């Protein structure tokens, strides 16, 4: 019974990680998660939505706003989504950029600055790593 429960929880975490990596917006709805994780994810959404456009928003300030130590936040994000706090912030910014590129008439550099990227070269590199196309090619599609 214990082995089955642990195996099921591991499978649910893997599904959550896969879904997170593919979604534009962080809203895991089809995966069964416990109420503690639901509350944590809801708080994540609130904090990220309010601070994502601030270029000074980093793992340290993220942890402070989540009322956790940086290491606690790192472990929790690793277990739920398979990414560190820094990767989580970057991925959320990139997902926001992708959404804005599809639905907005702003230039790519304006969008990048609006979501908290200060270095356009770094932004472009990260975007290509995540979506396998340049931001301008993504916008054209």
C-alpha atoms as a PDB file:
ATOM      1  CA  UNK A   1       0.000   0.000   0.000  1.00  0.00           C
ATOM      2  CA  UNK A   2       2.811   2.389   0.932  1.00  0.00           C
ATOM      3  CA  UNK A   3       4.745   1.621  -2.254  1.00  0.00           C
ATOM      4  CA  UNK A   4       1.653   2.255  -4.373  1.00  0.00           C
ATOM      5  CA  UNK A   5       1.006   5.589  -2.663  1.00  0.00           C
ATOM      6  CA  UNK A   6       4.599   6.739  -3.095  1.00  0.00           C
ATOM      7  CA  UNK A   7       4.639   5.610  -6.733  1.00  0.00           C
ATOM      8  CA  UNK A   8       1.385   7.491  -7.400  1.00  0.00           C
ATOM      9  CA  UNK A   9       2.748  10.673  -5.826  1.00  0.00           C
ATOM     10  CA  UNK A  10       5.906  10.444  -7.913  1.00  0.00           C
ATOM     11  CA  UNK A  11       3.832  10.028 -11.068  1.00  0.00           C
ATOM     12  CA  UNK A  12       1.659  13.023 -10.161  1.00  0.00           C
ATOM     13  CA  UNK A  13       4.780  15.171  -9.653  1.00  0.00           C
ATOM     14  CA  UNK A  14       6.125  14.117 -13.054  1.00  0.00           C
ATOM     15  CA  UNK A  15       2.822  15.010 -14.715  1.00  0.00           C
ATOM     16  CA  UNK A  16       2.816  18.382 -12.962  1.00  0.00           C
ATOM     17  CA  UNK A  17       6.389  19.068 -14.076  1.00  0.00           C
ATOM     18  CA  UNK A  18       5.581  18.137 -17.693  1.00  0.00           C
ATOM     19  CA  UNK A  19       2.466  20.253 -17.731  1.00  0.00           C
ATOM     20  CA  UNK A  20       4.211  23.253 -16.195  1.00  0.00           C
ATOM     21  CA  UNK A  21       6.960  23.164 -18.790  1.00  0.00           C
ATOM     22  CA  UNK A  22       4.411  23.252 -21.629  1.00  0.00           C
ATOM     23  CA  UNK A  23       1.851  25.753 -20.342  1.00  0.00           C
ATOM     24  CA  UNK A  24       1.878  29.462 -21.043  1.00  0.00           C
ATOM     25  CA  UNK A  25       0.193  30.221 -17.742  1.00  0.00           C
ATOM     26  CA  UNK A  26       0.728  28.465 -14.441  1.00  0.00           C
ATOM     27  CA  UNK A  27      -2.646  26.828 -13.784  1.00  0.00           C
ATOM     28  CA  UNK A  28      -2.413  23.083 -13.098  1.00  0.00           C
ATOM     29  CA  UNK A  29      -6.042  21.998 -13.207  1.00  0.00           C
ATOM     30  CA  UNK A  30      -6.139  18.428 -14.500  1.00  0.00           C
ATOM     31  CA  UNK A  31      -3.576  17.029 -12.094  1.00  0.00           C
ATOM     32  CA  UNK A  32      -4.508  15.866  -8.642  1.00  0.00           C
ATOM     33  CA  UNK A  33      -2.512  17.777  -6.066  1.00  0.00           C
ATOM     34  CA  UNK A  34      -3.055  18.150  -2.368  1.00  0.00           C
ATOM     35  CA  UNK A  35      -4.496  21.259  -0.773  1.00  0.00           C
ATOM     36  CA  UNK A  36      -1.128  22.411   0.612  1.00  0.00           C
ATOM     37  CA  UNK A  37       0.348  22.387  -2.884  1.00  0.00           C
ATOM     38  CA  UNK A  38      -2.739  24.145  -4.261  1.00  0.00           C
ATOM     39  CA  UNK A  39      -2.313  26.924  -1.718  1.00  0.00           C
ATOM     40  CA  UNK A  40       1.389  27.146  -2.498  1.00  0.00           C
ATOM     41  CA  UNK A  41       0.716  27.395  -6.244  1.00  0.00           C
ATOM     42  CA  UNK A  42      -1.970  30.025  -5.681  1.00  0.00           C
ATOM     43  CA  UNK A  43       0.491  32.061  -3.627  1.00  0.00           C
ATOM     44  CA  UNK A  44       3.138  31.550  -6.350  1.00  0.00           C
ATOM     45  CA  UNK A  45       0.745  32.948  -8.938  1.00  0.00           C
ATOM     46  CA  UNK A  46      -0.031  35.989  -6.804  1.00  0.00           C
ATOM     47  CA  UNK A  47       3.613  36.795  -6.069  1.00  0.00           C
ATOM     48  CA  UNK A  48       4.795  36.177  -9.625  1.00  0.00           C
ATOM     49  CA  UNK A  49       1.961  38.199 -11.180  1.00  0.00           C
ATOM     50  CA  UNK A  50       2.670  41.168  -8.943  1.00  0.00           C
ATOM     51  CA  UNK A  51       6.462  41.211  -9.317  1.00  0.00           C
ATOM     52  CA  UNK A  52       7.387  39.604 -12.646  1.00  0.00           C
ATOM     53  CA  UNK A  53       7.821  42.893 -14.517  1.00  0.00           C
ATOM     54  CA  UNK A  54      10.322  44.164 -11.936  1.00  0.00           C
ATOM     55  CA  UNK A  55      13.805  43.504 -13.317  1.00  0.00           C
ATOM     56  CA  UNK A  56      15.128  43.397  -9.726  1.00  0.00           C
ATOM     57  CA  UNK A  57      12.839  40.450  -8.910  1.00  0.00           C
ATOM     58  CA  UNK A  58      15.138  37.502  -8.261  1.00  0.00           C
ATOM     59  CA  UNK A  59      15.226  34.294  -6.230  1.00  0.00           C
ATOM     60  CA  UNK A  60      16.044  36.159  -3.011  1.00  0.00           C
ATOM     61  CA  UNK A  61      13.136  38.605  -3.259  1.00  0.00           C
ATOM     62  CA  UNK A  62      10.910  35.783  -4.476  1.00  0.00           C
ATOM     63  CA  UNK A  63      11.708  33.777  -1.339  1.00  0.00           C
ATOM     64  CA  UNK A  64      11.100  36.787   0.902  1.00  0.00           C
ATOM     65  CA  UNK A  65       7.708  37.447  -0.694  1.00  0.00           C
ATOM     66  CA  UNK A  66       6.814  33.753  -0.353  1.00  0.00           C
ATOM     67  CA  UNK A  67       7.812  33.927   3.347  1.00  0.00           C
ATOM     68  CA  UNK A  68      10.303  31.103   2.912  1.00  0.00           C
ATOM     69  CA  UNK A  69      14.038  30.735   2.918  1.00  0.00           C
ATOM     70  CA  UNK A  70      15.643  30.714  -0.514  1.00  0.00           C
ATOM     71  CA  UNK A  71      16.590  27.050  -0.050  1.00  0.00           C
ATOM     72  CA  UNK A  72      13.062  26.055   1.038  1.00  0.00           C
ATOM     73  CA  UNK A  73      11.629  27.745  -2.036  1.00  0.00           C
ATOM     74  CA  UNK A  74      14.226  26.060  -4.220  1.00  0.00           C
ATOM     75  CA  UNK A  75      13.390  22.607  -2.829  1.00  0.00           C
ATOM     76  CA  UNK A  76       9.635  23.150  -3.144  1.00  0.00           C
ATOM     77  CA  UNK A  77       9.888  24.369  -6.753  1.00  0.00           C
ATOM     78  CA  UNK A  78      12.234  21.488  -7.605  1.00  0.00           C
ATOM     79  CA  UNK A  79       9.800  18.952  -6.187  1.00  0.00           C
ATOM     80  CA  UNK A  80       6.712  20.458  -7.816  1.00  0.00           C
ATOM     81  CA  UNK A  81       8.034  21.718 -11.148  1.00  0.00           C
ATOM     82  CA  UNK A  82      11.575  20.378 -11.513  1.00  0.00           C
ATOM     83  CA  UNK A  83      13.153  23.849 -11.747  1.00  0.00           C
ATOM     84  CA  UNK A  84      15.035  26.192  -9.437  1.00  0.00           C
ATOM     85  CA  UNK A  85      13.606  29.531  -8.321  1.00  0.00           C
ATOM     86  CA  UNK A  86      15.727  31.403 -10.855  1.00  0.00           C
ATOM     87  CA  UNK A  87      14.645  29.081 -13.676  1.00  0.00           C
ATOM     88  CA  UNK A  88      11.039  29.404 -12.552  1.00  0.00           C
ATOM     89  CA  UNK A  89      11.177  33.204 -12.716  1.00  0.00           C
ATOM     90  CA  UNK A  90      12.901  33.144 -16.105  1.00  0.00           C
ATOM     91  CA  UNK A  91      10.421  30.609 -17.501  1.00  0.00           C
ATOM     92  CA  UNK A  92       7.443  32.604 -16.267  1.00  0.00           C
ATOM     93  CA  UNK A  93       8.875  35.720 -17.898  1.00  0.00           C
ATOM     94  CA  UNK A  94       9.430  33.844 -21.150  1.00  0.00           C
ATOM     95  CA  UNK A  95       5.895  32.441 -21.089  1.00  0.00           C
ATOM     96  CA  UNK A  96       4.575  35.944 -20.549  1.00  0.00           C
ATOM     97  CA  UNK A  97       6.694  37.181 -23.478  1.00  0.00           C
ATOM     98  CA  UNK A  98       5.339  34.418 -25.712  1.00  0.00           C
ATOM     99  CA  UNK A  99       1.785  35.370 -24.810  1.00  0.00           C
ATOM    100  CA  UNK A 100       2.476  39.064 -25.449  1.00  0.00           C
ATOM    101  CA  UNK A 101       4.194  38.338 -28.759  1.00  0.00           C
ATOM    102  CA  UNK A 102       1.103  36.500 -29.965  1.00  0.00           C
ATOM    103  CA  UNK A 103      -1.424  39.042 -28.713  1.00  0.00           C
ATOM    104  CA  UNK A 104       0.314  42.406 -28.717  1.00  0.00           C
ATOM    105  CA  UNK A 105       1.580  44.946 -31.207  1.00  0.00           C
ATOM    106  CA  UNK A 106       4.548  46.114 -29.114  1.00  0.00           C
ATOM    107  CA  UNK A 107       8.085  45.598 -30.362  1.00  0.00           C
ATOM    108  CA  UNK A 108      10.068  42.640 -29.081  1.00  0.00           C
ATOM    109  CA  UNK A 109      12.446  44.840 -27.096  1.00  0.00           C
ATOM    110  CA  UNK A 110       9.542  46.685 -25.434  1.00  0.00           C
ATOM    111  CA  UNK A 111       7.956  43.387 -24.445  1.00  0.00           C
ATOM    112  CA  UNK A 112      11.269  42.068 -23.102  1.00  0.00           C
ATOM    113  CA  UNK A 113      11.788  45.170 -20.968  1.00  0.00           C
ATOM    114  CA  UNK A 114       8.154  45.112 -19.782  1.00  0.00           C
ATOM    115  CA  UNK A 115       8.498  41.605 -18.345  1.00  0.00           C
ATOM    116  CA  UNK A 116      11.775  42.283 -16.555  1.00  0.00           C
ATOM    117  CA  UNK A 117      14.577  41.400 -18.983  1.00  0.00           C
ATOM    118  CA  UNK A 118      17.280  44.084 -19.040  1.00  0.00           C
ATOM    119  CA  UNK A 119      19.674  42.418 -21.492  1.00  0.00           C
ATOM    120  CA  UNK A 120      18.174  41.767 -24.927  1.00  0.00           C
ATOM    121  CA  UNK A 121      20.964  39.355 -25.884  1.00  0.00           C
ATOM    122  CA  UNK A 122      20.304  37.224 -22.817  1.00  0.00           C
ATOM    123  CA  UNK A 123      16.574  37.444 -23.429  1.00  0.00           C
ATOM    124  CA  UNK A 124      16.952  36.273 -27.016  1.00  0.00           C
ATOM    125  CA  UNK A 125      19.232  33.389 -25.975  1.00  0.00           C
ATOM    126  CA  UNK A 126      16.800  32.216 -23.286  1.00  0.00           C
ATOM    127  CA  UNK A 127      13.830  32.528 -25.634  1.00  0.00           C
ATOM    128  CA  UNK A 128      15.557  30.426 -28.283  1.00  0.00           C
ATOM    129  CA  UNK A 129      16.431  27.766 -25.696  1.00  0.00           C
ATOM    130  CA  UNK A 130      12.831  27.496 -24.544  1.00  0.00           C
ATOM    131  CA  UNK A 131      10.930  27.812 -27.833  1.00  0.00           C
ATOM    132  CA  UNK A 132      13.613  26.778 -30.361  1.00  0.00           C
ATOM    133  CA  UNK A 133      12.945  29.866 -32.501  1.00  0.00           C
ATOM    134  CA  UNK A 134      13.950  33.497 -32.255  1.00  0.00           C
ATOM    135  CA  UNK A 135      11.419  35.940 -30.760  1.00  0.00           C
ATOM    136  CA  UNK A 136      10.895  37.600 -34.152  1.00  0.00           C
ATOM    137  CA  UNK A 137      10.174  34.258 -35.855  1.00  0.00           C
ATOM    138  CA  UNK A 138       7.812  33.362 -33.013  1.00  0.00           C
ATOM    139  CA  UNK A 139       5.966  36.653 -33.452  1.00  0.00           C
ATOM    140  CA  UNK A 140       5.546  36.044 -37.190  1.00  0.00           C
ATOM    141  CA  UNK A 141       3.847  32.675 -36.645  1.00  0.00           C
END
